[in-house]
Amino acid sequence: MATRQNSSNGKQKSPRIQVVLPEDLCKKLSELAAAESRTVSNMAKVLIQEGVKKHQLSESSVSKDLATKKTKTQNFINALEKQKTQRLKGIPKRLKFKRN
């Protein structure tokens, strides 16, 4: 869990986290931050926010797909259950399978 610190005026600061990055990723993050005139911390925050938003959107689309499939399946089951049952006329006919 992220830790909160108190500022000098007594208000709580935003939660802080620590992340260990490989050197090449840290270098890329620093380059992105410099290109956008941001601090490395702020750039990391922006990228995390975008990643979380993208993840939530993909999760919601997956749950919508599942709900649609469940609805279609349930509609099919309901349609089958509403059908009137019929007795077969006569004895079942034998099926012949042709071999190629």
C-alpha atoms as a PDB file:
ATOM      1  CA  MET A   1       0.000   0.000   0.000  1.00  0.00           C
ATOM      2  CA  ALA A   2       1.219   3.485  -0.790  1.00  0.00           C
ATOM      3  CA  THR A   3       2.412   5.494   2.196  1.00  0.00           C
ATOM      4  CA  ARG A   4       1.176   8.976   3.079  1.00  0.00           C
ATOM      5  CA  GLN A   5       3.336  11.657   4.589  1.00  0.00           C
ATOM      6  CA  ASN A   6       2.338  14.884   6.301  1.00  0.00           C
ATOM      7  CA  SER A   7       3.542  18.224   5.001  1.00  0.00           C
ATOM      8  CA  SER A   8       4.892  20.983   7.232  1.00  0.00           C
ATOM      9  CA  ASN A   9       1.439  22.604   7.476  1.00  0.00           C
ATOM     10  CA  GLY A  10      -0.172  19.361   8.682  1.00  0.00           C
ATOM     11  CA  LYS A  11      -2.012  18.432   5.489  1.00  0.00           C
ATOM     12  CA  GLN A  12      -1.515  14.955   4.116  1.00  0.00           C
ATOM     13  CA  LYS A  13       0.546  14.631   0.959  1.00  0.00           C
ATOM     14  CA  SER A  14      -0.468  12.427  -1.922  1.00  0.00           C
ATOM     15  CA  PRO A  15       0.431   8.750  -1.482  1.00  0.00           C
ATOM     16  CA  ARG A  16       3.963   7.809  -2.496  1.00  0.00           C
ATOM     17  CA  ILE A  17       5.209   4.607  -4.054  1.00  0.00           C
ATOM     18  CA  GLN A  18       8.670   3.325  -4.857  1.00  0.00           C
ATOM     19  CA  VAL A  19       9.405   1.472  -8.064  1.00  0.00           C
ATOM     20  CA  VAL A  20      12.616  -0.236  -9.102  1.00  0.00           C
ATOM     21  CA  LEU A  21      13.218   0.128 -12.854  1.00  0.00           C
ATOM     22  CA  PRO A  22      15.793  -1.430 -15.122  1.00  0.00           C
ATOM     23  CA  GLU A  23      18.356   1.123 -16.301  1.00  0.00           C
ATOM     24  CA  ASP A  24      17.185   1.112 -19.933  1.00  0.00           C
ATOM     25  CA  LEU A  25      13.565   1.760 -18.906  1.00  0.00           C
ATOM     26  CA  CYS A  26      14.647   4.519 -16.540  1.00  0.00           C
ATOM     27  CA  LYS A  27      16.649   6.113 -19.357  1.00  0.00           C
ATOM     28  CA  LYS A  28      13.650   5.991 -21.711  1.00  0.00           C
ATOM     29  CA  LEU A  29      11.430   7.494 -19.002  1.00  0.00           C
ATOM     30  CA  SER A  30      13.940  10.313 -18.462  1.00  0.00           C
ATOM     31  CA  GLU A  31      14.076  11.000 -22.214  1.00  0.00           C
ATOM     32  CA  LEU A  32      10.268  11.124 -22.439  1.00  0.00           C
ATOM     33  CA  ALA A  33      10.127  13.465 -19.450  1.00  0.00           C
ATOM     34  CA  ALA A  34      12.722  15.775 -20.972  1.00  0.00           C
ATOM     35  CA  ALA A  35      10.910  15.820 -24.322  1.00  0.00           C
ATOM     36  CA  GLU A  36       7.698  16.923 -22.613  1.00  0.00           C
ATOM     37  CA  SER A  37       9.370  19.292 -20.121  1.00  0.00           C
ATOM     38  CA  ARG A  38       8.216  17.247 -17.144  1.00  0.00           C
ATOM     39  CA  THR A  39       9.905  15.772 -14.131  1.00  0.00           C
ATOM     40  CA  VAL A  40      10.619  12.062 -14.247  1.00  0.00           C
ATOM     41  CA  SER A  41       8.137  11.515 -11.395  1.00  0.00           C
ATOM     42  CA  ASN A  42       5.409  13.461 -13.174  1.00  0.00           C
ATOM     43  CA  MET A  43       6.042  11.593 -16.436  1.00  0.00           C
ATOM     44  CA  ALA A  44       5.782   8.272 -14.572  1.00  0.00           C
ATOM     45  CA  LYS A  45       2.489   9.429 -13.027  1.00  0.00           C
ATOM     46  CA  VAL A  46       1.058  10.386 -16.440  1.00  0.00           C
ATOM     47  CA  LEU A  47       2.090   7.075 -18.015  1.00  0.00           C
ATOM     48  CA  ILE A  48       0.649   5.090 -15.097  1.00  0.00           C
ATOM     49  CA  GLN A  49      -2.648   6.995 -15.362  1.00  0.00           C
ATOM     50  CA  GLU A  50      -2.851   6.268 -19.092  1.00  0.00           C
ATOM     51  CA  GLY A  51      -2.023   2.600 -18.529  1.00  0.00           C
ATOM     52  CA  VAL A  52      -4.661   2.206 -15.805  1.00  0.00           C
ATOM     53  CA  LYS A  53      -7.306   3.910 -17.985  1.00  0.00           C
ATOM     54  CA  LYS A  54      -6.440   1.667 -20.945  1.00  0.00           C
ATOM     55  CA  HIS A  55      -6.566  -1.421 -18.731  1.00  0.00           C
ATOM     56  CA  GLN A  56      -9.977  -0.459 -17.334  1.00  0.00           C
ATOM     57  CA  LEU A  57     -11.354   0.093 -20.845  1.00  0.00           C
ATOM     58  CA  SER A  58     -10.159  -3.308 -22.012  1.00  0.00           C
ATOM     59  CA  GLU A  59     -11.563  -4.974 -18.877  1.00  0.00           C
ATOM     60  CA  SER A  60     -14.967  -3.346 -19.405  1.00  0.00           C
ATOM     61  CA  SER A  61     -15.083  -4.424 -23.056  1.00  0.00           C
ATOM     62  CA  VAL A  62     -14.283  -8.022 -22.048  1.00  0.00           C
ATOM     63  CA  SER A  63     -17.062  -8.005 -19.440  1.00  0.00           C
ATOM     64  CA  LYS A  64     -19.515  -6.565 -22.018  1.00  0.00           C
ATOM     65  CA  ASP A  65     -18.607  -9.364 -24.460  1.00  0.00           C
ATOM     66  CA  LEU A  66     -19.226 -11.970 -21.768  1.00  0.00           C
ATOM     67  CA  ALA A  67     -22.573 -10.411 -20.863  1.00  0.00           C
ATOM     68  CA  THR A  68     -23.618 -10.421 -24.535  1.00  0.00           C
ATOM     69  CA  LYS A  69     -22.668 -14.083 -24.906  1.00  0.00           C
ATOM     70  CA  LYS A  70     -24.584 -15.008 -21.747  1.00  0.00           C
ATOM     71  CA  THR A  71     -27.644 -13.123 -22.991  1.00  0.00           C
ATOM     72  CA  LYS A  72     -27.557 -14.840 -26.398  1.00  0.00           C
ATOM     73  CA  THR A  73     -27.143 -18.243 -24.776  1.00  0.00           C
ATOM     74  CA  GLN A  74     -29.979 -17.590 -22.355  1.00  0.00           C
ATOM     75  CA  ASN A  75     -32.256 -16.428 -25.197  1.00  0.00           C
ATOM     76  CA  PHE A  76     -31.483 -19.615 -27.129  1.00  0.00           C
ATOM     77  CA  ILE A  77     -32.241 -21.770 -24.082  1.00  0.00           C
ATOM     78  CA  ASN A  78     -35.505 -19.918 -23.474  1.00  0.00           C
ATOM     79  CA  ALA A  79     -36.545 -20.382 -27.121  1.00  0.00           C
ATOM     80  CA  LEU A  80     -35.860 -24.105 -26.910  1.00  0.00           C
ATOM     81  CA  GLU A  81     -37.806 -24.440 -23.685  1.00  0.00           C
ATOM     82  CA  LYS A  82     -40.836 -22.683 -25.194  1.00  0.00           C
ATOM     83  CA  GLN A  83     -41.034 -25.128 -28.081  1.00  0.00           C
ATOM     84  CA  LYS A  84     -43.822 -27.642 -27.940  1.00  0.00           C
ATOM     85  CA  THR A  85     -42.662 -31.239 -27.548  1.00  0.00           C
ATOM     86  CA  GLN A  86     -43.709 -33.649 -30.298  1.00  0.00           C
ATOM     87  CA  ARG A  87     -43.787 -37.403 -30.463  1.00  0.00           C
ATOM     88  CA  LEU A  88     -41.919 -39.122 -33.220  1.00  0.00           C
ATOM     89  CA  LYS A  89     -44.049 -40.780 -35.858  1.00  0.00           C
ATOM     90  CA  GLY A  90     -43.162 -44.409 -36.390  1.00  0.00           C
ATOM     91  CA  ILE A  91     -39.894 -46.087 -35.633  1.00  0.00           C
ATOM     92  CA  PRO A  92     -36.627 -44.286 -36.203  1.00  0.00           C
ATOM     93  CA  LYS A  93     -35.115 -44.889 -39.626  1.00  0.00           C
ATOM     94  CA  ARG A  94     -31.650 -46.301 -39.976  1.00  0.00           C
ATOM     95  CA  LEU A  95     -28.999 -43.961 -41.185  1.00  0.00           C
ATOM     96  CA  LYS A  96     -26.455 -45.172 -43.733  1.00  0.00           C
ATOM     97  CA  PHE A  97     -23.048 -43.606 -43.753  1.00  0.00           C
ATOM     98  CA  LYS A  98     -21.187 -43.566 -47.029  1.00  0.00           C
ATOM     99  CA  ARG A  99     -17.446 -44.148 -46.946  1.00  0.00           C
ATOM    100  CA  ASN A 100     -15.275 -42.426 -49.458  1.00  0.00           C
END
